Amino acid sequence: MQAMWMVVAAFFFASMGVCVKIASSQFNAAELVFYRGLLGIFFMWALARYSGISLRTRYPLMHAWRSLVGVTSLGAWFYAIGHLPLATAMTLNYMSSVWVAAFLVGGALMSWRPSATESRPMLQGPLVLTVLAGFAGVVMMLRPSLQGDQMFAALIGLLSGMCAAFAYMQVMALSRIGEPETRTVFYFAVGSALAGGLGMGVAGASPLSFPGALWLLPIGVLASLGQLCMTRAYATARNQRGTLVVANLQYSGIVFAGLYSVLLFGDHLPLVAWAGMALIVGSGIGATVLRGKAAPNAPAEEH
């Protein structure tokens, strides 16, 4: 059942990406972040009330930092979806696991000090290989499939994955001090609404004309349903092996995005680009497995 919940969550997130791509023709990224956050506030409040979870927290600054990096990731992802093939934008955002592995390797290098007992840093060769494979996949995917005017959007897409990694590490920190995920996601929704509202003040707000405005509702609903199914998937995983299976199945979202990209938007990605996507998925799975051994009770990643 946990596998089914994760596949359904990945489908909801990919479907949200479709709505974001369509709505991007009328609304800017700040507006999409605002409406997603606003709808998420009501959804997570109702879920917390139903579950009997208090939304009061003793760690407002930790939630503020998680919201900051999370909103940056979300805004960058929405921008990338609007300017890149859906499958490409989704894959770049799902690079977060590879970025986490890169940060772990970088942290080991920075903290290492030569000593008589430790002659070299413990970098864990397999973890290094996942990072290298992930970035090789990025090169394979971007160079053959992007137009010259899409390179900036590709860099923004990479930024979305990097900030998602920072957000994930902060979610791990909040989980370790006992903050329930419902509360964490609620404050992320609050941060999204606030940041999106500020962004609208700078970039401007589009009129809520129909039928374009109808796409705003499914963005918030699908994102909340995806988060709910993902939470249920991790909650029903009974052991570490089940948790790893659930974590790896999140990459099925790239498959759904690829199908949407080809069938709905007529995007054409050459074979080498699909090979690069497969390499990123494989490196992300490898990084997730290695990370799971170090932190078996890690919380879900949000996309």
C-alpha atoms as a PDB file:
ATOM      1  CA  MET A   1       0.000   0.000   0.000  1.00  0.00           C
ATOM      2  CA  GLN A   2       2.828   2.440   0.758  1.00  0.00           C
ATOM      3  CA  ALA A   3       4.134   1.958  -2.796  1.00  0.00           C
ATOM      4  CA  MET A   4       0.704   2.745  -4.222  1.00  0.00           C
ATOM      5  CA  TRP A   5       0.403   5.900  -2.108  1.00  0.00           C
ATOM      6  CA  MET A   6       3.760   7.178  -3.358  1.00  0.00           C
ATOM      7  CA  VAL A   7       2.950   6.494  -7.010  1.00  0.00           C
ATOM      8  CA  VAL A   8      -0.370   8.330  -6.573  1.00  0.00           C
ATOM      9  CA  ALA A   9       1.501  11.227  -4.904  1.00  0.00           C
ATOM     10  CA  ALA A  10       3.935  11.387  -7.820  1.00  0.00           C
ATOM     11  CA  PHE A  11       0.999  11.442 -10.235  1.00  0.00           C
ATOM     12  CA  PHE A  12      -0.600  14.343  -8.341  1.00  0.00           C
ATOM     13  CA  PHE A  13       2.655  16.353  -8.335  1.00  0.00           C
ATOM     14  CA  ALA A  14       3.183  15.747 -12.070  1.00  0.00           C
ATOM     15  CA  SER A  15      -0.442  16.716 -12.739  1.00  0.00           C
ATOM     16  CA  MET A  16       0.109  19.882 -10.728  1.00  0.00           C
ATOM     17  CA  GLY A  17       3.045  20.609 -13.029  1.00  0.00           C
ATOM     18  CA  VAL A  18       0.685  20.400 -16.012  1.00  0.00           C
ATOM     19  CA  CYS A  19      -1.649  22.959 -14.418  1.00  0.00           C
ATOM     20  CA  VAL A  20       1.298  25.223 -13.566  1.00  0.00           C
ATOM     21  CA  LYS A  21       2.574  25.084 -17.151  1.00  0.00           C
ATOM     22  CA  ILE A  22      -0.837  25.995 -18.551  1.00  0.00           C
ATOM     23  CA  ALA A  23      -1.452  28.731 -15.961  1.00  0.00           C
ATOM     24  CA  SER A  24       2.028  30.192 -16.602  1.00  0.00           C
ATOM     25  CA  SER A  25       0.727  31.682 -19.835  1.00  0.00           C
ATOM     26  CA  GLN A  26      -1.455  34.045 -17.770  1.00  0.00           C
ATOM     27  CA  PHE A  27       0.142  34.210 -14.298  1.00  0.00           C
ATOM     28  CA  ASN A  28       3.747  34.830 -13.221  1.00  0.00           C
ATOM     29  CA  ALA A  29       5.650  32.573 -10.828  1.00  0.00           C
ATOM     30  CA  ALA A  30       4.943  34.811  -7.799  1.00  0.00           C
ATOM     31  CA  GLU A  31       1.207  34.576  -8.401  1.00  0.00           C
ATOM     32  CA  LEU A  32       1.327  30.808  -8.732  1.00  0.00           C
ATOM     33  CA  VAL A  33       3.317  30.507  -5.490  1.00  0.00           C
ATOM     34  CA  PHE A  34       0.804  32.776  -3.716  1.00  0.00           C
ATOM     35  CA  TYR A  35      -2.293  30.867  -4.799  1.00  0.00           C
ATOM     36  CA  ARG A  36      -0.688  27.505  -4.114  1.00  0.00           C
ATOM     37  CA  GLY A  37       0.241  28.666  -0.621  1.00  0.00           C
ATOM     38  CA  LEU A  38      -3.181  30.183   0.056  1.00  0.00           C
ATOM     39  CA  LEU A  39      -5.010  27.004  -0.856  1.00  0.00           C
ATOM     40  CA  GLY A  40      -2.413  24.938   1.017  1.00  0.00           C
ATOM     41  CA  ILE A  41      -3.067  26.919   4.216  1.00  0.00           C
ATOM     42  CA  PHE A  42      -6.735  25.949   4.265  1.00  0.00           C
ATOM     43  CA  PHE A  43      -6.035  22.340   3.273  1.00  0.00           C
ATOM     44  CA  MET A  44      -3.333  21.770   5.900  1.00  0.00           C
ATOM     45  CA  TRP A  45      -5.350  23.591   8.574  1.00  0.00           C
ATOM     46  CA  ALA A  46      -8.274  21.242   7.912  1.00  0.00           C
ATOM     47  CA  LEU A  47      -5.940  18.228   7.971  1.00  0.00           C
ATOM     48  CA  ALA A  48      -4.356  19.333  11.262  1.00  0.00           C
ATOM     49  CA  ARG A  49      -7.775  19.889  12.797  1.00  0.00           C
ATOM     50  CA  TYR A  50      -8.969  16.461  11.623  1.00  0.00           C
ATOM     51  CA  SER A  51      -5.807  14.798  12.971  1.00  0.00           C
ATOM     52  CA  GLY A  52      -5.866  16.673  16.274  1.00  0.00           C
ATOM     53  CA  ILE A  53      -2.437  18.255  15.640  1.00  0.00           C
ATOM     54  CA  SER A  54      -1.793  21.698  17.088  1.00  0.00           C
ATOM     55  CA  LEU A  55      -0.319  24.269  14.713  1.00  0.00           C
ATOM     56  CA  ARG A  56       1.437  26.200  17.485  1.00  0.00           C
ATOM     57  CA  THR A  57       5.208  25.858  17.388  1.00  0.00           C
ATOM     58  CA  ARG A  58       8.155  26.630  19.651  1.00  0.00           C
ATOM     59  CA  TYR A  59      10.534  26.910  16.701  1.00  0.00           C
ATOM     60  CA  PRO A  60       9.316  29.812  14.548  1.00  0.00           C
ATOM     61  CA  LEU A  61      12.792  30.707  13.242  1.00  0.00           C
ATOM     62  CA  MET A  62      13.430  27.166  12.011  1.00  0.00           C
ATOM     63  CA  HIS A  63      10.099  27.198  10.194  1.00  0.00           C
ATOM     64  CA  ALA A  64      10.929  30.619   8.761  1.00  0.00           C
ATOM     65  CA  TRP A  65      14.201  29.337   7.275  1.00  0.00           C
ATOM     66  CA  ARG A  66      12.509  26.228   5.909  1.00  0.00           C
ATOM     67  CA  SER A  67       9.835  28.424   4.318  1.00  0.00           C
ATOM     68  CA  LEU A  68      12.427  30.771   2.816  1.00  0.00           C
ATOM     69  CA  VAL A  69      14.420  28.087   1.025  1.00  0.00           C
ATOM     70  CA  GLY A  70      11.269  26.122   0.210  1.00  0.00           C
ATOM     71  CA  VAL A  71       9.538  29.106  -1.357  1.00  0.00           C
ATOM     72  CA  THR A  72      12.674  29.933  -3.344  1.00  0.00           C
ATOM     73  CA  SER A  73      12.701  26.365  -4.643  1.00  0.00           C
ATOM     74  CA  LEU A  74       8.989  26.454  -5.440  1.00  0.00           C
ATOM     75  CA  GLY A  75       9.161  29.774  -7.280  1.00  0.00           C
ATOM     76  CA  ALA A  76      12.196  28.650  -9.285  1.00  0.00           C
ATOM     77  CA  TRP A  77      10.465  25.370 -10.140  1.00  0.00           C
ATOM     78  CA  PHE A  78       7.298  27.105 -11.315  1.00  0.00           C
ATOM     79  CA  TYR A  79       9.368  29.470 -13.447  1.00  0.00           C
ATOM     80  CA  ALA A  80      11.237  26.530 -14.988  1.00  0.00           C
ATOM     81  CA  ILE A  81       7.973  24.699 -15.727  1.00  0.00           C
ATOM     82  CA  GLY A  82       6.698  27.749 -17.561  1.00  0.00           C
ATOM     83  CA  HIS A  83       9.790  28.050 -19.770  1.00  0.00           C
ATOM     84  CA  LEU A  84      11.057  24.475 -20.240  1.00  0.00           C
ATOM     85  CA  PRO A  85       9.611  21.143 -21.359  1.00  0.00           C
ATOM     86  CA  LEU A  86       7.697  19.750 -18.393  1.00  0.00           C
ATOM     87  CA  ALA A  87       9.846  16.603 -18.161  1.00  0.00           C
ATOM     88  CA  THR A  88      13.041  18.695 -18.091  1.00  0.00           C
ATOM     89  CA  ALA A  89      11.769  21.029 -15.364  1.00  0.00           C
ATOM     90  CA  MET A  90      10.533  18.124 -13.243  1.00  0.00           C
ATOM     91  CA  THR A  91      13.839  16.282 -13.549  1.00  0.00           C
ATOM     92  CA  LEU A  92      15.880  19.328 -12.530  1.00  0.00           C
ATOM     93  CA  ASN A  93      13.733  19.760  -9.430  1.00  0.00           C
ATOM     94  CA  TYR A  94      14.082  16.076  -8.553  1.00  0.00           C
ATOM     95  CA  MET A  95      17.857  16.623  -8.473  1.00  0.00           C
ATOM     96  CA  SER A  96      17.416  17.494  -4.777  1.00  0.00           C
ATOM     97  CA  SER A  97      18.612  14.061  -3.616  1.00  0.00           C
ATOM     98  CA  VAL A  98      21.792  14.459  -5.666  1.00  0.00           C
ATOM     99  CA  TRP A  99      22.337  17.945  -4.232  1.00  0.00           C
ATOM    100  CA  VAL A 100      21.954  16.561  -0.692  1.00  0.00           C
ATOM    101  CA  ALA A 101      24.633  13.987  -1.492  1.00  0.00           C
ATOM    102  CA  ALA A 102      26.855  16.749  -2.895  1.00  0.00           C
ATOM    103  CA  PHE A 103      26.421  18.772   0.293  1.00  0.00           C
ATOM    104  CA  LEU A 104      27.329  15.735   2.399  1.00  0.00           C
ATOM    105  CA  VAL A 105      30.511  15.235   0.372  1.00  0.00           C
ATOM    106  CA  GLY A 106      31.369  18.934   0.552  1.00  0.00           C
ATOM    107  CA  GLY A 107      30.748  18.991   4.291  1.00  0.00           C
ATOM    108  CA  ALA A 108      33.073  16.020   4.777  1.00  0.00           C
ATOM    109  CA  LEU A 109      35.806  17.819   2.840  1.00  0.00           C
ATOM    110  CA  MET A 110      35.402  21.097   4.718  1.00  0.00           C
ATOM    111  CA  SER A 111      35.352  19.473   8.166  1.00  0.00           C
ATOM    112  CA  TRP A 112      38.283  17.125   7.551  1.00  0.00           C
ATOM    113  CA  ARG A 113      41.490  17.862   9.404  1.00  0.00           C
ATOM    114  CA  PRO A 114      44.617  15.703   8.889  1.00  0.00           C
ATOM    115  CA  SER A 115      45.493  13.706  11.975  1.00  0.00           C
ATOM    116  CA  ALA A 116      47.454  10.679  13.007  1.00  0.00           C
ATOM    117  CA  THR A 117      44.331   8.559  13.264  1.00  0.00           C
ATOM    118  CA  GLU A 118      42.558   9.759  10.106  1.00  0.00           C
ATOM    119  CA  SER A 119      44.689  10.279   7.036  1.00  0.00           C
ATOM    120  CA  ARG A 120      41.865  11.152   4.631  1.00  0.00           C
ATOM    121  CA  PRO A 121      38.217  12.233   4.819  1.00  0.00           C
ATOM    122  CA  MET A 122      35.562   9.554   4.843  1.00  0.00           C
ATOM    123  CA  LEU A 123      33.840  10.544   1.613  1.00  0.00           C
ATOM    124  CA  GLN A 124      32.100   7.238   0.890  1.00  0.00           C
ATOM    125  CA  GLY A 125      33.017   6.449  -2.703  1.00  0.00           C
ATOM    126  CA  PRO A 126      29.496   5.371  -3.762  1.00  0.00           C
ATOM    127  CA  LEU A 127      28.094   8.709  -2.594  1.00  0.00           C
ATOM    128  CA  VAL A 128      30.662  10.576  -4.700  1.00  0.00           C
ATOM    129  CA  LEU A 129      29.726   8.437  -7.706  1.00  0.00           C
ATOM    130  CA  THR A 130      26.029   9.284  -7.327  1.00  0.00           C
ATOM    131  CA  VAL A 131      26.885  12.989  -7.372  1.00  0.00           C
ATOM    132  CA  LEU A 132      29.071  12.660 -10.477  1.00  0.00           C
ATOM    133  CA  ALA A 133      26.478  10.520 -12.246  1.00  0.00           C
ATOM    134  CA  GLY A 134      23.738  13.016 -11.426  1.00  0.00           C
ATOM    135  CA  PHE A 135      25.626  15.946 -12.878  1.00  0.00           C
ATOM    136  CA  ALA A 136      26.624  13.910 -15.921  1.00  0.00           C
ATOM    137  CA  GLY A 137      22.933  13.279 -16.446  1.00  0.00           C
ATOM    138  CA  VAL A 138      22.266  17.023 -16.275  1.00  0.00           C
ATOM    139  CA  VAL A 139      24.828  17.648 -19.019  1.00  0.00           C
ATOM    140  CA  MET A 140      23.317  14.921 -21.199  1.00  0.00           C
ATOM    141  CA  MET A 141      19.796  16.198 -20.675  1.00  0.00           C
ATOM    142  CA  LEU A 142      20.294  19.940 -21.082  1.00  0.00           C
ATOM    143  CA  ARG A 143      22.810  20.335 -23.878  1.00  0.00           C
ATOM    144  CA  PRO A 144      20.889  18.446 -26.565  1.00  0.00           C
ATOM    145  CA  SER A 145      17.371  19.469 -25.584  1.00  0.00           C
ATOM    146  CA  LEU A 146      17.458  23.205 -24.844  1.00  0.00           C
ATOM    147  CA  GLN A 147      17.318  26.190 -27.132  1.00  0.00           C
ATOM    148  CA  GLY A 148      19.738  29.032 -26.516  1.00  0.00           C
ATOM    149  CA  ASP A 149      17.038  31.185 -24.929  1.00  0.00           C
ATOM    150  CA  GLN A 150      16.158  28.385 -22.483  1.00  0.00           C
ATOM    151  CA  MET A 151      19.531  28.235 -20.738  1.00  0.00           C
ATOM    152  CA  PHE A 152      18.541  30.809 -18.097  1.00  0.00           C
ATOM    153  CA  ALA A 153      15.402  28.809 -17.293  1.00  0.00           C
ATOM    154  CA  ALA A 154      17.566  25.677 -17.031  1.00  0.00           C
ATOM    155  CA  LEU A 155      19.800  27.383 -14.465  1.00  0.00           C
ATOM    156  CA  ILE A 156      16.692  28.427 -12.533  1.00  0.00           C
ATOM    157  CA  GLY A 157      15.552  24.812 -12.656  1.00  0.00           C
ATOM    158  CA  LEU A 158      18.873  23.684 -11.194  1.00  0.00           C
ATOM    159  CA  LEU A 159      18.436  26.322  -8.483  1.00  0.00           C
ATOM    160  CA  SER A 160      15.030  24.845  -7.640  1.00  0.00           C
ATOM    161  CA  GLY A 161      16.605  21.444  -6.985  1.00  0.00           C
ATOM    162  CA  MET A 162      19.421  22.939  -4.909  1.00  0.00           C
ATOM    163  CA  CYS A 163      17.033  24.951  -2.733  1.00  0.00           C
ATOM    164  CA  ALA A 164      14.795  21.879  -2.392  1.00  0.00           C
ATOM    165  CA  ALA A 165      17.816  20.077  -0.921  1.00  0.00           C
ATOM    166  CA  PHE A 166      18.310  22.862   1.638  1.00  0.00           C
ATOM    167  CA  ALA A 167      14.598  22.708   2.468  1.00  0.00           C
ATOM    168  CA  TYR A 168      14.750  18.926   2.862  1.00  0.00           C
ATOM    169  CA  MET A 169      17.670  19.150   5.276  1.00  0.00           C
ATOM    170  CA  GLN A 170      15.739  21.712   7.314  1.00  0.00           C
ATOM    171  CA  VAL A 171      12.683  19.422   7.326  1.00  0.00           C
ATOM    172  CA  MET A 172      14.958  16.686   8.667  1.00  0.00           C
ATOM    173  CA  ALA A 173      16.094  19.018  11.454  1.00  0.00           C
ATOM    174  CA  LEU A 174      12.488  19.885  12.328  1.00  0.00           C
ATOM    175  CA  SER A 175      11.561  16.200  12.321  1.00  0.00           C
ATOM    176  CA  ARG A 176      14.384  15.357  14.725  1.00  0.00           C
ATOM    177  CA  ILE A 177      13.095  17.880  17.293  1.00  0.00           C
ATOM    178  CA  GLY A 178       9.592  16.420  17.097  1.00  0.00           C
ATOM    179  CA  GLU A 179       7.745  18.785  14.768  1.00  0.00           C
ATOM    180  CA  PRO A 180       4.973  16.890  12.914  1.00  0.00           C
ATOM    181  CA  GLU A 181       5.099  17.125   9.133  1.00  0.00           C
ATOM    182  CA  THR A 182       1.571  18.566   8.959  1.00  0.00           C
ATOM    183  CA  ARG A 183       2.716  21.566  10.997  1.00  0.00           C
ATOM    184  CA  THR A 184       5.857  21.966   8.893  1.00  0.00           C
ATOM    185  CA  VAL A 185       3.893  21.904   5.638  1.00  0.00           C
ATOM    186  CA  PHE A 186       1.344  24.355   7.072  1.00  0.00           C
ATOM    187  CA  TYR A 187       4.000  26.944   7.852  1.00  0.00           C
ATOM    188  CA  PHE A 188       5.545  26.364   4.448  1.00  0.00           C
ATOM    189  CA  ALA A 189       2.147  27.183   2.920  1.00  0.00           C
ATOM    190  CA  VAL A 190       1.983  30.343   5.043  1.00  0.00           C
ATOM    191  CA  GLY A 191       5.459  31.320   3.855  1.00  0.00           C
ATOM    192  CA  SER A 192       4.460  30.633   0.249  1.00  0.00           C
ATOM    193  CA  ALA A 193       1.417  32.876   0.501  1.00  0.00           C
ATOM    194  CA  LEU A 194       3.417  35.689   2.135  1.00  0.00           C
ATOM    195  CA  ALA A 195       6.344  35.472  -0.285  1.00  0.00           C
ATOM    196  CA  GLY A 196       4.052  35.137  -3.275  1.00  0.00           C
ATOM    197  CA  GLY A 197       2.064  38.170  -2.133  1.00  0.00           C
ATOM    198  CA  LEU A 198       5.250  40.228  -1.806  1.00  0.00           C
ATOM    199  CA  GLY A 199       6.370  39.021  -5.222  1.00  0.00           C
ATOM    200  CA  MET A 200       3.061  40.084  -6.717  1.00  0.00           C
ATOM    201  CA  GLY A 201       3.626  43.552  -5.285  1.00  0.00           C
ATOM    202  CA  VAL A 202       6.855  43.771  -7.278  1.00  0.00           C
ATOM    203  CA  ALA A 203       6.043  41.813 -10.437  1.00  0.00           C
ATOM    204  CA  GLY A 204       2.390  42.798 -10.590  1.00  0.00           C
ATOM    205  CA  ALA A 205      -0.823  40.797 -10.448  1.00  0.00           C
ATOM    206  CA  SER A 206      -2.797  39.515 -13.394  1.00  0.00           C
ATOM    207  CA  PRO A 207      -6.582  39.849 -13.528  1.00  0.00           C
ATOM    208  CA  LEU A 208      -8.485  36.735 -12.479  1.00  0.00           C
ATOM    209  CA  SER A 209     -10.114  36.241 -15.850  1.00  0.00           C
ATOM    210  CA  PHE A 210     -11.706  32.973 -16.878  1.00  0.00           C
ATOM    211  CA  PRO A 211     -11.021  30.326 -18.005  1.00  0.00           C
ATOM    212  CA  GLY A 212      -7.334  30.850 -17.113  1.00  0.00           C
ATOM    213  CA  ALA A 213      -8.071  31.437 -13.420  1.00  0.00           C
ATOM    214  CA  LEU A 214      -9.706  28.015 -13.187  1.00  0.00           C
ATOM    215  CA  TRP A 215      -6.245  26.423 -13.327  1.00  0.00           C
ATOM    216  CA  LEU A 216      -5.279  28.011  -9.987  1.00  0.00           C
ATOM    217  CA  LEU A 217      -7.604  25.798  -7.959  1.00  0.00           C
ATOM    218  CA  PRO A 218      -6.219  22.426  -9.110  1.00  0.00           C
ATOM    219  CA  ILE A 219      -2.658  23.661  -8.488  1.00  0.00           C
ATOM    220  CA  GLY A 220      -3.361  24.032  -4.773  1.00  0.00           C
ATOM    221  CA  VAL A 221      -5.595  20.971  -4.534  1.00  0.00           C
ATOM    222  CA  LEU A 222      -3.226  18.639  -6.407  1.00  0.00           C
ATOM    223  CA  ALA A 223      -0.214  19.866  -4.422  1.00  0.00           C
ATOM    224  CA  SER A 224      -2.036  19.257  -1.138  1.00  0.00           C
ATOM    225  CA  LEU A 225      -3.296  15.843  -2.255  1.00  0.00           C
ATOM    226  CA  GLY A 226       0.216  14.920  -3.359  1.00  0.00           C
ATOM    227  CA  GLN A 227       1.645  15.932   0.000  1.00  0.00           C
ATOM    228  CA  LEU A 228      -1.093  14.006   1.814  1.00  0.00           C
ATOM    229  CA  CYS A 229      -0.473  10.820  -0.197  1.00  0.00           C
ATOM    230  CA  MET A 230       3.280  11.162   0.270  1.00  0.00           C
ATOM    231  CA  THR A 231       2.824  11.542   4.019  1.00  0.00           C
ATOM    232  CA  ARG A 232       0.571   8.461   4.075  1.00  0.00           C
ATOM    233  CA  ALA A 233       3.153   6.494   2.073  1.00  0.00           C
ATOM    234  CA  TYR A 234       5.915   7.195   4.594  1.00  0.00           C
ATOM    235  CA  ALA A 235       3.568   6.638   7.542  1.00  0.00           C
ATOM    236  CA  THR A 236       2.616   3.144   6.338  1.00  0.00           C
ATOM    237  CA  ALA A 237       6.205   2.067   5.604  1.00  0.00           C
ATOM    238  CA  ARG A 238       6.860  -0.429   8.380  1.00  0.00           C
ATOM    239  CA  ASN A 239      10.643  -0.676   8.208  1.00  0.00           C
ATOM    240  CA  GLN A 240      13.732   0.870   6.641  1.00  0.00           C
ATOM    241  CA  ARG A 241      13.416  -1.221   3.497  1.00  0.00           C
ATOM    242  CA  GLY A 242       9.851  -0.037   3.006  1.00  0.00           C
ATOM    243  CA  THR A 243      10.937   3.559   3.544  1.00  0.00           C
ATOM    244  CA  LEU A 244      13.619   3.240   0.859  1.00  0.00           C
ATOM    245  CA  VAL A 245      11.121   1.732  -1.590  1.00  0.00           C
ATOM    246  CA  VAL A 246       8.743   4.623  -0.965  1.00  0.00           C
ATOM    247  CA  ALA A 247      11.507   7.227  -1.320  1.00  0.00           C
ATOM    248  CA  ASN A 248      12.660   5.784  -4.635  1.00  0.00           C
ATOM    249  CA  LEU A 249       9.157   5.565  -6.086  1.00  0.00           C
ATOM    250  CA  GLN A 250       8.893   9.353  -5.935  1.00  0.00           C
ATOM    251  CA  TYR A 251      10.905   9.340  -9.177  1.00  0.00           C
ATOM    252  CA  SER A 252       7.897   7.882 -10.960  1.00  0.00           C
ATOM    253  CA  GLY A 253       6.805  11.534 -11.111  1.00  0.00           C
ATOM    254  CA  ILE A 254       9.406  12.061 -13.839  1.00  0.00           C
ATOM    255  CA  VAL A 255       7.801   9.254 -15.862  1.00  0.00           C
ATOM    256  CA  PHE A 256       4.372  10.884 -15.554  1.00  0.00           C
ATOM    257  CA  ALA A 257       5.859  14.272 -16.443  1.00  0.00           C
ATOM    258  CA  GLY A 258       7.556  12.766 -19.492  1.00  0.00           C
ATOM    259  CA  LEU A 259       4.273  11.315 -20.715  1.00  0.00           C
ATOM    260  CA  TYR A 260       2.454  14.602 -20.119  1.00  0.00           C
ATOM    261  CA  SER A 261       5.259  16.503 -21.851  1.00  0.00           C
ATOM    262  CA  VAL A 262       4.998  14.423 -25.013  1.00  0.00           C
ATOM    263  CA  LEU A 263       1.243  13.774 -25.149  1.00  0.00           C
ATOM    264  CA  LEU A 264      -0.147  17.149 -24.019  1.00  0.00           C
ATOM    265  CA  PHE A 265       2.496  19.672 -25.038  1.00  0.00           C
ATOM    266  CA  GLY A 266       4.120  17.979 -28.019  1.00  0.00           C
ATOM    267  CA  ASP A 267       7.622  18.348 -26.536  1.00  0.00           C
ATOM    268  CA  HIS A 268      10.373  16.459 -28.310  1.00  0.00           C
ATOM    269  CA  LEU A 269      13.330  15.204 -26.312  1.00  0.00           C
ATOM    270  CA  PRO A 270      16.084  13.309 -28.147  1.00  0.00           C
ATOM    271  CA  LEU A 271      17.218   9.882 -27.003  1.00  0.00           C
ATOM    272  CA  VAL A 272      20.325  11.232 -25.283  1.00  0.00           C
ATOM    273  CA  ALA A 273      18.134  13.562 -23.215  1.00  0.00           C
ATOM    274  CA  TRP A 274      16.003  10.631 -22.050  1.00  0.00           C
ATOM    275  CA  ALA A 275      19.226   8.772 -21.207  1.00  0.00           C
ATOM    276  CA  GLY A 276      20.323  11.756 -19.136  1.00  0.00           C
ATOM    277  CA  MET A 277      16.996  11.732 -17.295  1.00  0.00           C
ATOM    278  CA  ALA A 278      17.423   8.018 -16.585  1.00  0.00           C
ATOM    279  CA  LEU A 279      20.934   8.679 -15.245  1.00  0.00           C
ATOM    280  CA  ILE A 280      19.610  11.401 -12.931  1.00  0.00           C
ATOM    281  CA  VAL A 281      16.869   9.064 -11.694  1.00  0.00           C
ATOM    282  CA  GLY A 282      19.415   6.306 -11.066  1.00  0.00           C
ATOM    283  CA  SER A 283      21.785   8.631  -9.207  1.00  0.00           C
ATOM    284  CA  GLY A 284      18.898  10.022  -7.181  1.00  0.00           C
ATOM    285  CA  ILE A 285      17.820   6.516  -6.188  1.00  0.00           C
ATOM    286  CA  GLY A 286      21.397   5.671  -5.231  1.00  0.00           C
ATOM    287  CA  ALA A 287      21.719   8.839  -3.166  1.00  0.00           C
ATOM    288  CA  THR A 288      18.387   8.104  -1.470  1.00  0.00           C
ATOM    289  CA  VAL A 289      19.514   4.575  -0.528  1.00  0.00           C
ATOM    290  CA  LEU A 290      22.832   5.822   0.876  1.00  0.00           C
ATOM    291  CA  ARG A 291      21.098   8.642   2.715  1.00  0.00           C
ATOM    292  CA  GLY A 292      18.523   6.233   4.107  1.00  0.00           C
ATOM    293  CA  LYS A 293      21.289   4.164   5.703  1.00  0.00           C
ATOM    294  CA  ALA A 294      22.555   7.268   7.486  1.00  0.00           C
ATOM    295  CA  ALA A 295      19.109   8.612   8.392  1.00  0.00           C
ATOM    296  CA  PRO A 296      16.544   5.794   8.281  1.00  0.00           C
ATOM    297  CA  ASN A 297      13.756   7.888   9.810  1.00  0.00           C
ATOM    298  CA  ALA A 298      14.147  10.843   7.466  1.00  0.00           C
ATOM    299  CA  PRO A 299      10.904  12.614   6.498  1.00  0.00           C
ATOM    300  CA  ALA A 300       9.450  12.974   3.036  1.00  0.00           C
ATOM    301  CA  GLU A 301      10.740  15.340   0.398  1.00  0.00           C
ATOM    302  CA  GLU A 302       8.170  17.773  -0.936  1.00  0.00           C
ATOM    303  CA  HIS A 303       7.897  18.624  -4.628  1.00  0.00           C
END
